[in-house]
PDB file of N, CA and C in Angstrom:
ATOM      1  N   MET A   1       2.105  21.013 -15.595  1.00  0.00           N
ATOM      2  CA  MET A   1       3.243  20.282 -16.117  1.00  0.00           C
ATOM      3  C   MET A   1       3.257  18.883 -15.526  1.00  0.00           C
ATOM      4  N   LEU A   2       3.461  17.895 -16.382  1.00  0.00           N
ATOM      5  CA  LEU A   2       3.537  16.504 -15.960  1.00  0.00           C
ATOM      6  C   LEU A   2       4.963  16.123 -15.613  1.00  0.00           C
ATOM      7  N   ARG A   3       5.086  15.255 -14.662  1.00  0.00           N
ATOM      8  CA  ARG A   3       6.396  14.682 -14.376  1.00  0.00           C
ATOM      9  C   ARG A   3       6.479  13.351 -15.111  1.00  0.00           C
ATOM     10  N   ALA A   4       7.594  13.084 -15.711  1.00  0.00           N
ATOM     11  CA  ALA A   4       7.755  11.833 -16.433  1.00  0.00           C
ATOM     12  C   ALA A   4       9.065  11.182 -16.001  1.00  0.00           C
ATOM     13  N   PRO A   5       9.130   9.882 -15.943  1.00  0.00           N
ATOM     14  CA  PRO A   5       8.114   8.913 -16.320  1.00  0.00           C
ATOM     15  C   PRO A   5       7.017   8.789 -15.264  1.00  0.00           C
ATOM     16  N   GLN A   6       5.867   8.343 -15.723  1.00  0.00           N
ATOM     17  CA  GLN A   6       4.712   8.195 -14.848  1.00  0.00           C
ATOM     18  C   GLN A   6       3.913   6.961 -15.290  1.00  0.00           C
ATOM     19  N   VAL A   7       3.600   6.080 -14.359  1.00  0.00           N
ATOM     20  CA  VAL A   7       2.812   4.887 -14.677  1.00  0.00           C
ATOM     21  C   VAL A   7       1.352   5.303 -14.800  1.00  0.00           C
ATOM     22  N   LEU A   8       0.796   5.110 -15.995  1.00  0.00           N
ATOM     23  CA  LEU A   8      -0.609   5.443 -16.226  1.00  0.00           C
ATOM     24  C   LEU A   8      -1.517   4.265 -15.945  1.00  0.00           C
ATOM     25  N   GLN A   9      -0.992   3.049 -16.170  1.00  0.00           N
ATOM     26  CA  GLN A   9      -1.764   1.835 -15.897  1.00  0.00           C
ATOM     27  C   GLN A   9      -0.803   0.776 -15.378  1.00  0.00           C
ATOM     28  N   PRO A  10      -0.981   0.333 -14.141  1.00  0.00           N
ATOM     29  CA  PRO A  10      -0.098  -0.712 -13.636  1.00  0.00           C
ATOM     30  C   PRO A  10      -0.408  -2.056 -14.305  1.00  0.00           C
ATOM     31  N   ALA A  11       0.572  -2.926 -14.323  1.00  0.00           N
ATOM     32  CA  ALA A  11       0.382  -4.245 -14.920  1.00  0.00           C
ATOM     33  C   ALA A  11      -0.563  -5.082 -14.061  1.00  0.00           C
ATOM     34  N   THR A  12      -1.412  -5.825 -14.716  1.00  0.00           N
ATOM     35  CA  THR A  12      -2.312  -6.778 -14.055  1.00  0.00           C
ATOM     36  C   THR A  12      -2.194  -8.111 -14.787  1.00  0.00           C
ATOM     37  N   LYS A  13      -2.987  -9.091 -14.378  1.00  0.00           N
ATOM     38  CA  LYS A  13      -2.954 -10.390 -15.051  1.00  0.00           C
ATOM     39  C   LYS A  13      -3.466 -10.292 -16.483  1.00  0.00           C
ATOM     40  N   THR A  14      -4.306  -9.320 -16.758  1.00  0.00           N
ATOM     41  CA  THR A  14      -4.915  -9.212 -18.093  1.00  0.00           C
ATOM     42  C   THR A  14      -4.461  -7.982 -18.885  1.00  0.00           C
ATOM     43  N   ALA A  15      -3.658  -7.110 -18.290  1.00  0.00           N
ATOM     44  CA  ALA A  15      -3.256  -5.885 -18.994  1.00  0.00           C
ATOM     45  C   ALA A  15      -1.787  -5.569 -18.731  1.00  0.00           C
ATOM     46  N   ASP A  16      -1.132  -5.041 -19.739  1.00  0.00           N
ATOM     47  CA  ASP A  16       0.264  -4.616 -19.612  1.00  0.00           C
ATOM     48  C   ASP A  16       0.350  -3.279 -18.889  1.00  0.00           C
ATOM     49  N   GLN A  17       1.513  -3.016 -18.315  1.00  0.00           N
ATOM     50  CA  GLN A  17       1.764  -1.708 -17.717  1.00  0.00           C
ATOM     51  C   GLN A  17       1.937  -0.679 -18.821  1.00  0.00           C
ATOM     52  N   ILE A  18       1.385   0.498 -18.617  1.00  0.00           N
ATOM     53  CA  ILE A  18       1.559   1.605 -19.558  1.00  0.00           C
ATOM     54  C   ILE A  18       2.280   2.719 -18.816  1.00  0.00           C
ATOM     55  N   VAL A  19       3.429   3.146 -19.383  1.00  0.00           N
ATOM     56  CA  VAL A  19       4.250   4.181 -18.762  1.00  0.00           C
ATOM     57  C   VAL A  19       4.374   5.359 -19.720  1.00  0.00           C
ATOM     58  N   PHE A  20       4.056   6.542 -19.224  1.00  0.00           N
ATOM     59  CA  PHE A  20       4.238   7.778 -19.971  1.00  0.00           C
ATOM     60  C   PHE A  20       5.663   8.218 -19.684  1.00  0.00           C
ATOM     61  N   GLU A  21       6.562   8.055 -20.662  1.00  0.00           N
ATOM     62  CA  GLU A  21       7.988   8.257 -20.424  1.00  0.00           C
ATOM     63  C   GLU A  21       8.478   9.669 -20.675  1.00  0.00           C
ATOM     64  N   ARG A  22       8.011  10.316 -21.746  1.00  0.00           N
ATOM     65  CA  ARG A  22       8.474  11.667 -22.056  1.00  0.00           C
ATOM     66  C   ARG A  22       7.479  12.352 -22.972  1.00  0.00           C
ATOM     67  N   TYR A  23       7.614  13.669 -23.061  1.00  0.00           N
ATOM     68  CA  TYR A  23       6.740  14.443 -23.937  1.00  0.00           C
ATOM     69  C   TYR A  23       7.422  15.734 -24.320  1.00  0.00           C
ATOM     70  N   ASP A  24       6.896  16.367 -25.349  1.00  0.00           N
ATOM     71  CA  ASP A  24       7.436  17.632 -25.830  1.00  0.00           C
ATOM     72  C   ASP A  24       6.259  18.588 -25.995  1.00  0.00           C
ATOM     73  N   ASP A  25       6.064  19.448 -25.023  1.00  0.00           N
ATOM     74  CA  ASP A  25       4.929  20.380 -25.103  1.00  0.00           C
ATOM     75  C   ASP A  25       5.367  21.763 -25.605  1.00  0.00           C
ATOM     76  N   GLY A  26       6.612  21.862 -26.065  1.00  0.00           N
ATOM     77  CA  GLY A  26       7.106  23.142 -26.542  1.00  0.00           C
ATOM     78  C   GLY A  26       7.275  23.230 -28.047  1.00  0.00           C
ATOM     79  N   ASP A  27       7.345  22.075 -28.706  1.00  0.00           N
ATOM     80  CA  ASP A  27       7.559  22.057 -30.155  1.00  0.00           C
ATOM     81  C   ASP A  27       6.440  21.280 -30.840  1.00  0.00           C
ATOM     82  N   TYR A  28       5.992  21.810 -31.982  1.00  0.00           N
ATOM     83  CA  TYR A  28       5.067  21.058 -32.813  1.00  0.00           C
ATOM     84  C   TYR A  28       5.862  20.044 -33.595  1.00  0.00           C
ATOM     85  N   GLY A  29       5.209  19.008 -34.044  1.00  0.00           N
ATOM     86  CA  GLY A  29       5.891  18.000 -34.825  1.00  0.00           C
ATOM     87  C   GLY A  29       4.899  17.118 -35.546  1.00  0.00           C
ATOM     88  N   TYR A  30       5.406  16.034 -36.067  1.00  0.00           N
ATOM     89  CA  TYR A  30       4.543  15.101 -36.773  1.00  0.00           C
ATOM     90  C   TYR A  30       4.981  13.674 -36.463  1.00  0.00           C
ATOM     91  N   LEU A  31       4.060  12.733 -36.688  1.00  0.00           N
ATOM     92  CA  LEU A  31       4.356  11.319 -36.526  1.00  0.00           C
ATOM     93  C   LEU A  31       4.556  10.701 -37.897  1.00  0.00           C
ATOM     94  N   ARG A  32       5.551   9.871 -38.004  1.00  0.00           N
ATOM     95  CA  ARG A  32       5.785   9.097 -39.225  1.00  0.00           C
ATOM     96  C   ARG A  32       5.507   7.649 -38.863  1.00  0.00           C
ATOM     97  N   VAL A  33       4.629   7.006 -39.615  1.00  0.00           N
ATOM     98  CA  VAL A  33       4.256   5.620 -39.350  1.00  0.00           C
ATOM     99  C   VAL A  33       4.788   4.754 -40.491  1.00  0.00           C
ATOM    100  N   ILE A  34       5.557   3.728 -40.127  1.00  0.00           N
ATOM    101  CA  ILE A  34       6.139   2.803 -41.096  1.00  0.00           C
ATOM    102  C   ILE A  34       5.596   1.419 -40.766  1.00  0.00           C
ATOM    103  N   VAL A  35       4.971   0.782 -41.759  1.00  0.00           N
ATOM    104  CA  VAL A  35       4.346  -0.515 -41.516  1.00  0.00           C
ATOM    105  C   VAL A  35       4.834  -1.521 -42.539  1.00  0.00           C
ATOM    106  N   SER A  36       5.187  -2.710 -42.058  1.00  0.00           N
ATOM    107  CA  SER A  36       5.505  -3.834 -42.944  1.00  0.00           C
ATOM    108  C   SER A  36       4.637  -5.005 -42.468  1.00  0.00           C
ATOM    109  N   GLN A  37       4.793  -6.151 -43.098  1.00  0.00           N
ATOM    110  CA  GLN A  37       4.028  -7.319 -42.659  1.00  0.00           C
ATOM    111  C   GLN A  37       4.450  -7.764 -41.263  1.00  0.00           C
ATOM    112  N   ALA A  38       5.670  -7.436 -40.876  1.00  0.00           N
ATOM    113  CA  ALA A  38       6.205  -7.908 -39.601  1.00  0.00           C
ATOM    114  C   ALA A  38       6.199  -6.863 -38.491  1.00  0.00           C
ATOM    115  N   GLN A  39       6.307  -5.558 -38.840  1.00  0.00           N
ATOM    116  CA  GLN A  39       6.501  -4.536 -37.812  1.00  0.00           C
ATOM    117  C   GLN A  39       5.673  -3.285 -38.053  1.00  0.00           C
ATOM    118  N   LEU A  40       5.409  -2.602 -36.945  1.00  0.00           N
ATOM    119  CA  LEU A  40       4.801  -1.270 -36.955  1.00  0.00           C
ATOM    120  C   LEU A  40       5.773  -0.358 -36.216  1.00  0.00           C
ATOM    121  N   ARG A  41       6.179   0.733 -36.862  1.00  0.00           N
ATOM    122  CA  ARG A  41       7.105   1.695 -36.239  1.00  0.00           C
ATOM    123  C   ARG A  41       6.469   3.072 -36.291  1.00  0.00           C
ATOM    124  N   ILE A  42       6.514   3.764 -35.175  1.00  0.00           N
ATOM    125  CA  ILE A  42       5.982   5.120 -35.089  1.00  0.00           C
ATOM    126  C   ILE A  42       7.117   6.016 -34.601  1.00  0.00           C
ATOM    127  N   GLU A  43       7.388   7.084 -35.356  1.00  0.00           N
ATOM    128  CA  GLU A  43       8.463   8.018 -35.034  1.00  0.00           C
ATOM    129  C   GLU A  43       7.881   9.413 -34.819  1.00  0.00           C
ATOM    130  N   TYR A  44       8.445  10.143 -33.860  1.00  0.00           N
ATOM    131  CA  TYR A  44       8.085  11.548 -33.644  1.00  0.00           C
ATOM    132  C   TYR A  44       9.212  12.424 -34.181  1.00  0.00           C
ATOM    133  N   HIS A  45       8.852  13.334 -35.074  1.00  0.00           N
ATOM    134  CA  HIS A  45       9.807  14.287 -35.648  1.00  0.00           C
ATOM    135  C   HIS A  45       9.360  15.700 -35.286  1.00  0.00           C
ATOM    136  N   PRO A  46      10.158  16.471 -34.536  1.00  0.00           N
ATOM    137  CA  PRO A  46       9.785  17.850 -34.249  1.00  0.00           C
ATOM    138  C   PRO A  46       9.914  18.722 -35.496  1.00  0.00           C
ATOM    139  N   ALA A  47       8.958  19.593 -35.712  1.00  0.00           N
ATOM    140  CA  ALA A  47       8.981  20.478 -36.881  1.00  0.00           C
ATOM    141  C   ALA A  47      10.159  21.442 -36.814  1.00  0.00           C
ATOM    142  N   ALA A  48      10.642  21.763 -35.625  1.00  0.00           N
ATOM    143  CA  ALA A  48      11.750  22.707 -35.462  1.00  0.00           C
ATOM    144  C   ALA A  48      13.046  22.184 -36.076  1.00  0.00           C
ATOM    145  N   ASP A  49      13.140  20.872 -36.318  1.00  0.00           N
ATOM    146  CA  ASP A  49      14.343  20.308 -36.932  1.00  0.00           C
ATOM    147  C   ASP A  49      14.510  20.740 -38.379  1.00  0.00           C
ATOM    148  N   GLY A  50      13.441  21.194 -39.010  1.00  0.00           N
ATOM    149  CA  GLY A  50      13.514  21.629 -40.411  1.00  0.00           C
ATOM    150  C   GLY A  50      13.232  20.501 -41.379  1.00  0.00           C
ATOM    151  N   SER A  51      13.158  20.852 -42.631  1.00  0.00           N
ATOM    152  CA  SER A  51      12.776  19.875 -43.648  1.00  0.00           C
ATOM    153  C   SER A  51      13.914  18.922 -44.017  1.00  0.00           C
ATOM    154  N   GLN A  52      15.144  19.244 -43.655  1.00  0.00           N
ATOM    155  CA  GLN A  52      16.275  18.397 -44.037  1.00  0.00           C
ATOM    156  C   GLN A  52      16.600  17.315 -43.009  1.00  0.00           C
ATOM    157  N   ALA A  53      16.165  17.474 -41.774  1.00  0.00           N
ATOM    158  CA  ALA A  53      16.461  16.494 -40.725  1.00  0.00           C
ATOM    159  C   ALA A  53      15.513  15.314 -40.829  1.00  0.00           C
ATOM    160  N   LYS A  54      16.057  14.107 -40.771  1.00  0.00           N
ATOM    161  CA  LYS A  54      15.241  12.903 -40.880  1.00  0.00           C
ATOM    162  C   LYS A  54      15.369  11.999 -39.657  1.00  0.00           C
ATOM    163  N   THR A  55      16.081  12.441 -38.644  1.00  0.00           N
ATOM    164  CA  THR A  55      16.274  11.622 -37.462  1.00  0.00           C
ATOM    165  C   THR A  55      15.166  11.894 -36.458  1.00  0.00           C
ATOM    166  N   PRO A  56      14.419  10.858 -36.060  1.00  0.00           N
ATOM    167  CA  PRO A  56      13.333  11.074 -35.097  1.00  0.00           C
ATOM    168  C   PRO A  56      13.874  11.353 -33.696  1.00  0.00           C
ATOM    169  N   ASP A  57      13.129  12.141 -32.932  1.00  0.00           N
ATOM    170  CA  ASP A  57      13.477  12.382 -31.532  1.00  0.00           C
ATOM    171  C   ASP A  57      13.065  11.214 -30.648  1.00  0.00           C
ATOM    172  N   ASP A  58      12.046  10.486 -31.079  1.00  0.00           N
ATOM    173  CA  ASP A  58      11.533   9.362 -30.304  1.00  0.00           C
ATOM    174  C   ASP A  58      10.896   8.376 -31.263  1.00  0.00           C
ATOM    175  N   SER A  59      10.909   7.106 -30.901  1.00  0.00           N
ATOM    176  CA  SER A  59      10.282   6.101 -31.751  1.00  0.00           C
ATOM    177  C   SER A  59       9.929   4.869 -30.935  1.00  0.00           C
ATOM    178  N   VAL A  60       9.019   4.079 -31.499  1.00  0.00           N
ATOM    179  CA  VAL A  60       8.644   2.802 -30.898  1.00  0.00           C
ATOM    180  C   VAL A  60       8.389   1.831 -32.051  1.00  0.00           C
ATOM    181  N   THR A  61       8.806   0.581 -31.873  1.00  0.00           N
ATOM    182  CA  THR A  61       8.603  -0.453 -32.884  1.00  0.00           C
ATOM    183  C   THR A  61       7.933  -1.646 -32.221  1.00  0.00           C
ATOM    184  N   VAL A  62       6.874  -2.146 -32.875  1.00  0.00           N
ATOM    185  CA  VAL A  62       6.116  -3.276 -32.342  1.00  0.00           C
ATOM    186  C   VAL A  62       6.189  -4.424 -33.334  1.00  0.00           C
ATOM    187  N   ASP A  63       6.516  -5.618 -32.829  1.00  0.00           N
ATOM    188  CA  ASP A  63       6.462  -6.831 -33.635  1.00  0.00           C
ATOM    189  C   ASP A  63       4.994  -7.220 -33.739  1.00  0.00           C
ATOM    190  N   LEU A  64       4.457  -7.271 -34.952  1.00  0.00           N
ATOM    191  CA  LEU A  64       3.032  -7.510 -35.124  1.00  0.00           C
ATOM    192  C   LEU A  64       2.622  -8.941 -34.800  1.00  0.00           C
ATOM    193  N   ALA A  65       3.535  -9.897 -34.911  1.00  0.00           N
ATOM    194  CA  ALA A  65       3.208 -11.289 -34.593  1.00  0.00           C
ATOM    195  C   ALA A  65       3.098 -11.521 -33.090  1.00  0.00           C
ATOM    196  N   THR A  66       4.044 -10.924 -32.322  1.00  0.00           N
ATOM    197  CA  THR A  66       4.064 -11.152 -30.871  1.00  0.00           C
ATOM    198  C   THR A  66       3.373 -10.044 -30.088  1.00  0.00           C
ATOM    199  N   ARG A  67       3.142  -8.889 -30.763  1.00  0.00           N
ATOM    200  CA  ARG A  67       2.570  -7.704 -30.118  1.00  0.00           C
ATOM    201  C   ARG A  67       3.452  -7.183 -28.990  1.00  0.00           C
ATOM    202  N   LYS A  68       4.745  -7.320 -29.166  1.00  0.00           N
ATOM    203  CA  LYS A  68       5.712  -6.853 -28.162  1.00  0.00           C
ATOM    204  C   LYS A  68       6.653  -5.843 -28.806  1.00  0.00           C
ATOM    205  N   LEU A  69       7.250  -4.984 -27.967  1.00  0.00           N
ATOM    206  CA  LEU A  69       8.241  -4.026 -28.453  1.00  0.00           C
ATOM    207  C   LEU A  69       9.465  -4.777 -28.956  1.00  0.00           C
ATOM    208  N   THR A  70      10.078  -4.261 -30.000  1.00  0.00           N
ATOM    209  CA  THR A  70      11.217  -4.931 -30.613  1.00  0.00           C
ATOM    210  C   THR A  70      12.151  -3.900 -31.225  1.00  0.00           C
ATOM    211  N   GLN A  71      13.276  -4.353 -31.749  1.00  0.00           N
ATOM    212  CA  GLN A  71      14.207  -3.495 -32.477  1.00  0.00           C
ATOM    213  C   GLN A  71      13.719  -3.345 -33.908  1.00  0.00           C
ATOM    214  N   TYR A  72      13.865  -2.168 -34.469  1.00  0.00           N
ATOM    215  CA  TYR A  72      13.432  -1.896 -35.834  1.00  0.00           C
ATOM    216  C   TYR A  72      14.360  -2.571 -36.831  1.00  0.00           C
ATOM    217  N   VAL A  73      13.794  -3.245 -37.819  1.00  0.00           N
ATOM    218  CA  VAL A  73      14.562  -3.859 -38.897  1.00  0.00           C
ATOM    219  C   VAL A  73      14.292  -3.040 -40.150  1.00  0.00           C
ATOM    220  N   ALA A  74      15.293  -2.272 -40.572  1.00  0.00           N
ATOM    221  CA  ALA A  74      15.141  -1.392 -41.731  1.00  0.00           C
ATOM    222  C   ALA A  74      15.132  -2.192 -43.028  1.00  0.00           C
ATOM    223  N   LYS A  75      14.555  -1.604 -44.077  1.00  0.00           N
ATOM    224  CA  LYS A  75      14.545  -2.232 -45.401  1.00  0.00           C
ATOM    225  C   LYS A  75      15.967  -2.305 -45.936  1.00  0.00           C
ATOM    226  N   ASP A  76      16.190  -3.225 -46.869  1.00  0.00           N
ATOM    227  CA  ASP A  76      17.533  -3.409 -47.416  1.00  0.00           C
ATOM    228  C   ASP A  76      17.868  -2.464 -48.560  1.00  0.00           C
ATOM    229  N   LEU A  77      16.931  -1.679 -49.048  1.00  0.00           N
ATOM    230  CA  LEU A  77      17.140  -0.684 -50.105  1.00  0.00           C
ATOM    231  C   LEU A  77      17.829  -1.248 -51.356  1.00  0.00           C
ATOM    232  N   GLY A  78      17.474  -2.495 -51.698  1.00  0.00           N
ATOM    233  CA  GLY A  78      17.989  -3.085 -52.925  1.00  0.00           C
ATOM    234  C   GLY A  78      19.323  -3.784 -52.801  1.00  0.00           C
ATOM    235  N   HIS A  79      19.826  -3.943 -51.579  1.00  0.00           N
ATOM    236  CA  HIS A  79      21.108  -4.616 -51.359  1.00  0.00           C
ATOM    237  C   HIS A  79      20.927  -5.766 -50.365  1.00  0.00           C
ATOM    238  N   PRO A  80      20.078  -6.764 -50.683  1.00  0.00           N
ATOM    239  CA  PRO A  80      19.760  -7.817 -49.711  1.00  0.00           C
ATOM    240  C   PRO A  80      20.957  -8.650 -49.276  1.00  0.00           C
ATOM    241  N   ALA A  81      21.898  -8.938 -50.180  1.00  0.00           N
ATOM    242  CA  ALA A  81      23.061  -9.745 -49.811  1.00  0.00           C
ATOM    243  C   ALA A  81      23.928  -9.016 -48.786  1.00  0.00           C
ATOM    244  N   ALA A  82      24.171  -7.731 -48.989  1.00  0.00           N
ATOM    245  CA  ALA A  82      24.985  -6.948 -48.051  1.00  0.00           C
ATOM    246  C   ALA A  82      24.292  -6.833 -46.699  1.00  0.00           C
ATOM    247  N   VAL A  83      22.983  -6.679 -46.717  1.00  0.00           N
ATOM    248  CA  VAL A  83      22.234  -6.576 -45.462  1.00  0.00           C
ATOM    249  C   VAL A  83      22.311  -7.885 -44.693  1.00  0.00           C
ATOM    250  N   ARG A  84      22.122  -9.014 -45.387  1.00  0.00           N
ATOM    251  CA  ARG A  84      22.207 -10.323 -44.717  1.00  0.00           C
ATOM    252  C   ARG A  84      23.583 -10.521 -44.108  1.00  0.00           C
ATOM    253  N   LEU A  85      24.621 -10.169 -44.838  1.00  0.00           N
ATOM    254  CA  LEU A  85      25.983 -10.314 -44.343  1.00  0.00           C
ATOM    255  C   LEU A  85      26.190  -9.480 -43.079  1.00  0.00           C
ATOM    256  N   THR A  86      25.722  -8.239 -43.089  1.00  0.00           N
ATOM    257  CA  THR A  86      25.875  -7.350 -41.940  1.00  0.00           C
ATOM    258  C   THR A  86      25.065  -7.832 -40.740  1.00  0.00           C
ATOM    259  N   ARG A  87      23.815  -8.192 -40.965  1.00  0.00           N
ATOM    260  CA  ARG A  87      22.956  -8.625 -39.861  1.00  0.00           C
ATOM    261  C   ARG A  87      23.420  -9.931 -39.239  1.00  0.00           C
ATOM    262  N   ASN A  88      24.033 -10.811 -40.033  1.00  0.00           N
ATOM    263  CA  ASN A  88      24.473 -12.110 -39.534  1.00  0.00           C
ATOM    264  C   ASN A  88      25.915 -12.108 -39.067  1.00  0.00           C
ATOM    265  N   SER A  89      26.594 -10.985 -39.199  1.00  0.00           N
ATOM    266  CA  SER A  89      27.989 -10.876 -38.801  1.00  0.00           C
ATOM    267  C   SER A  89      28.111 -11.004 -37.281  1.00  0.00           C
ATOM    268  N   PRO A  90      29.068 -11.844 -36.802  1.00  0.00           N
ATOM    269  CA  PRO A  90      29.230 -11.971 -35.349  1.00  0.00           C
ATOM    270  C   PRO A  90      29.747 -10.693 -34.701  1.00  0.00           C
ATOM    271  N   GLN A  91      30.512  -9.906 -35.452  1.00  0.00           N
ATOM    272  CA  GLN A  91      31.038  -8.645 -34.931  1.00  0.00           C
ATOM    273  C   GLN A  91      30.629  -7.515 -35.854  1.00  0.00           C
ATOM    274  N   ARG A  92      29.947  -6.542 -35.313  1.00  0.00           N
ATOM    275  CA  ARG A  92      29.561  -5.364 -36.088  1.00  0.00           C
ATOM    276  C   ARG A  92      30.435  -4.205 -35.623  1.00  0.00           C
ATOM    277  N   THR A  93      31.598  -4.088 -36.253  1.00  0.00           N
ATOM    278  CA  THR A  93      32.538  -3.044 -35.841  1.00  0.00           C
ATOM    279  C   THR A  93      32.827  -2.131 -37.019  1.00  0.00           C
ATOM    280  N   ARG A  94      33.456  -1.011 -36.733  1.00  0.00           N
ATOM    281  CA  ARG A  94      33.849  -0.076 -37.782  1.00  0.00           C
ATOM    282  C   ARG A  94      34.950  -0.702 -38.627  1.00  0.00           C
ATOM    283  N   HIS A  95      35.049  -0.252 -39.836  1.00  0.00           N
ATOM    284  CA  HIS A  95      36.093  -0.716 -40.743  1.00  0.00           C
ATOM    285  C   HIS A  95      37.442  -0.376 -40.139  1.00  0.00           C
ATOM    286  N   VAL A  96      38.382  -1.312 -40.204  1.00  0.00           N
ATOM    287  CA  VAL A  96      39.688  -1.152 -39.558  1.00  0.00           C
ATOM    288  C   VAL A  96      40.449   0.050 -40.099  1.00  0.00           C
ATOM    289  N   ASP A  97      40.350   0.313 -41.405  1.00  0.00           N
ATOM    290  CA  ASP A  97      41.132   1.391 -42.011  1.00  0.00           C
ATOM    291  C   ASP A  97      40.576   2.772 -41.715  1.00  0.00           C
ATOM    292  N   ARG A  98      39.352   2.859 -41.206  1.00  0.00           N
ATOM    293  CA  ARG A  98      38.740   4.162 -40.954  1.00  0.00           C
ATOM    294  C   ARG A  98      38.436   4.316 -39.470  1.00  0.00           C
ATOM    295  N   PRO A  99      39.167   5.173 -38.747  1.00  0.00           N
ATOM    296  CA  PRO A  99      38.863   5.395 -37.334  1.00  0.00           C
ATOM    297  C   PRO A  99      37.545   6.151 -37.191  1.00  0.00           C
ATOM    298  N   ALA A 100      36.967   6.054 -36.020  1.00  0.00           N
ATOM    299  CA  ALA A 100      35.729   6.789 -35.754  1.00  0.00           C
ATOM    300  C   ALA A 100      35.958   8.272 -35.960  1.00  0.00           C
ATOM    301  N   ARG A 101      34.930   8.969 -36.406  1.00  0.00           N
ATOM    302  CA  ARG A 101      35.035  10.404 -36.692  1.00  0.00           C
ATOM    303  C   ARG A 101      35.543  11.148 -35.455  1.00  0.00           C
ATOM    304  N   GLY A 102      36.531  11.997 -35.674  1.00  0.00           N
ATOM    305  CA  GLY A 102      37.056  12.809 -34.577  1.00  0.00           C
ATOM    306  C   GLY A 102      38.146  12.122 -33.767  1.00  0.00           C
ATOM    307  N   ARG A 103      38.439  10.870 -34.088  1.00  0.00           N
ATOM    308  CA  ARG A 103      39.483  10.151 -33.357  1.00  0.00           C
ATOM    309  C   ARG A 103      40.668   9.894 -34.277  1.00  0.00           C
ATOM    310  N   ARG A 104      41.867   9.932 -33.697  1.00  0.00           N
ATOM    311  CA  ARG A 104      43.063   9.638 -34.473  1.00  0.00           C
ATOM    312  C   ARG A 104      43.239   8.129 -34.570  1.00  0.00           C
ATOM    313  N   SER A 105      43.814   7.673 -35.670  1.00  0.00           N
ATOM    314  CA  SER A 105      44.090   6.246 -35.831  1.00  0.00           C
ATOM    315  C   SER A 105      45.200   5.843 -34.867  1.00  0.00           C
ATOM    316  N   GLN A 106      45.378   4.524 -34.688  1.00  0.00           N
ATOM    317  CA  GLN A 106      46.423   4.010 -33.813  1.00  0.00           C
ATOM    318  C   GLN A 106      47.784   4.495 -34.294  1.00  0.00           C
ATOM    319  N   GLU A 107      48.004   4.502 -35.599  1.00  0.00           N
ATOM    320  CA  GLU A 107      49.274   4.941 -36.180  1.00  0.00           C
ATOM    321  C   GLU A 107      49.532   6.414 -35.861  1.00  0.00           C
ATOM    322  N   GLU A 108      48.530   7.271 -35.980  1.00  0.00           N
ATOM    323  CA  GLU A 108      48.699   8.689 -35.691  1.00  0.00           C
ATOM    324  C   GLU A 108      49.003   8.927 -34.213  1.00  0.00           C
ATOM    325  N   GLN A 109      48.418   8.112 -33.338  1.00  0.00           N
ATOM    326  CA  GLN A 109      48.643   8.272 -31.908  1.00  0.00           C
ATOM    327  C   GLN A 109      50.073   7.897 -31.514  1.00  0.00           C
ATOM    328  N   THR A 110      50.621   6.853 -32.176  1.00  0.00           N
ATOM    329  CA  THR A 110      51.980   6.416 -31.826  1.00  0.00           C
ATOM    330  C   THR A 110      53.051   7.335 -32.393  1.00  0.00           C
ATOM    331  N   LYS A 111      52.732   8.135 -33.432  1.00  0.00           N
ATOM    332  CA  LYS A 111      53.703   9.076 -34.008  1.00  0.00           C
ATOM    333  C   LYS A 111      54.019  10.204 -33.061  1.00  0.00           C
ATOM    334  N   ARG A 112      53.138  10.519 -32.165  1.00  0.00           N
ATOM    335  CA  ARG A 112      53.339  11.665 -31.267  1.00  0.00           C
ATOM    336  C   ARG A 112      54.247  11.353 -30.172  1.00  0.00           C
TER     337      ARG A 112
END
């Protein structure tokens, strides 16, 4: 059994540090690779999640221009104006009229 995290290659002047952060030796799974002109994303999906689950247990995204890790930028799925508005919004908060799932609204809390 490996202990994680574990440094497999320390950083040098010519090479980046490589760290083995986690692993799953109990479940089979598959890798999903998503590539665009700008990014490469690799996701690990355990088979035990079933055919309906689409959330990866682990993922990594690389900016292909800089060759550095980055945040994943999802496709706009045909709604480019809405995506631009959301991505450029100074505040990304939940809609005021809808409280977070499982939480009571401010009005419901004051009624008690």
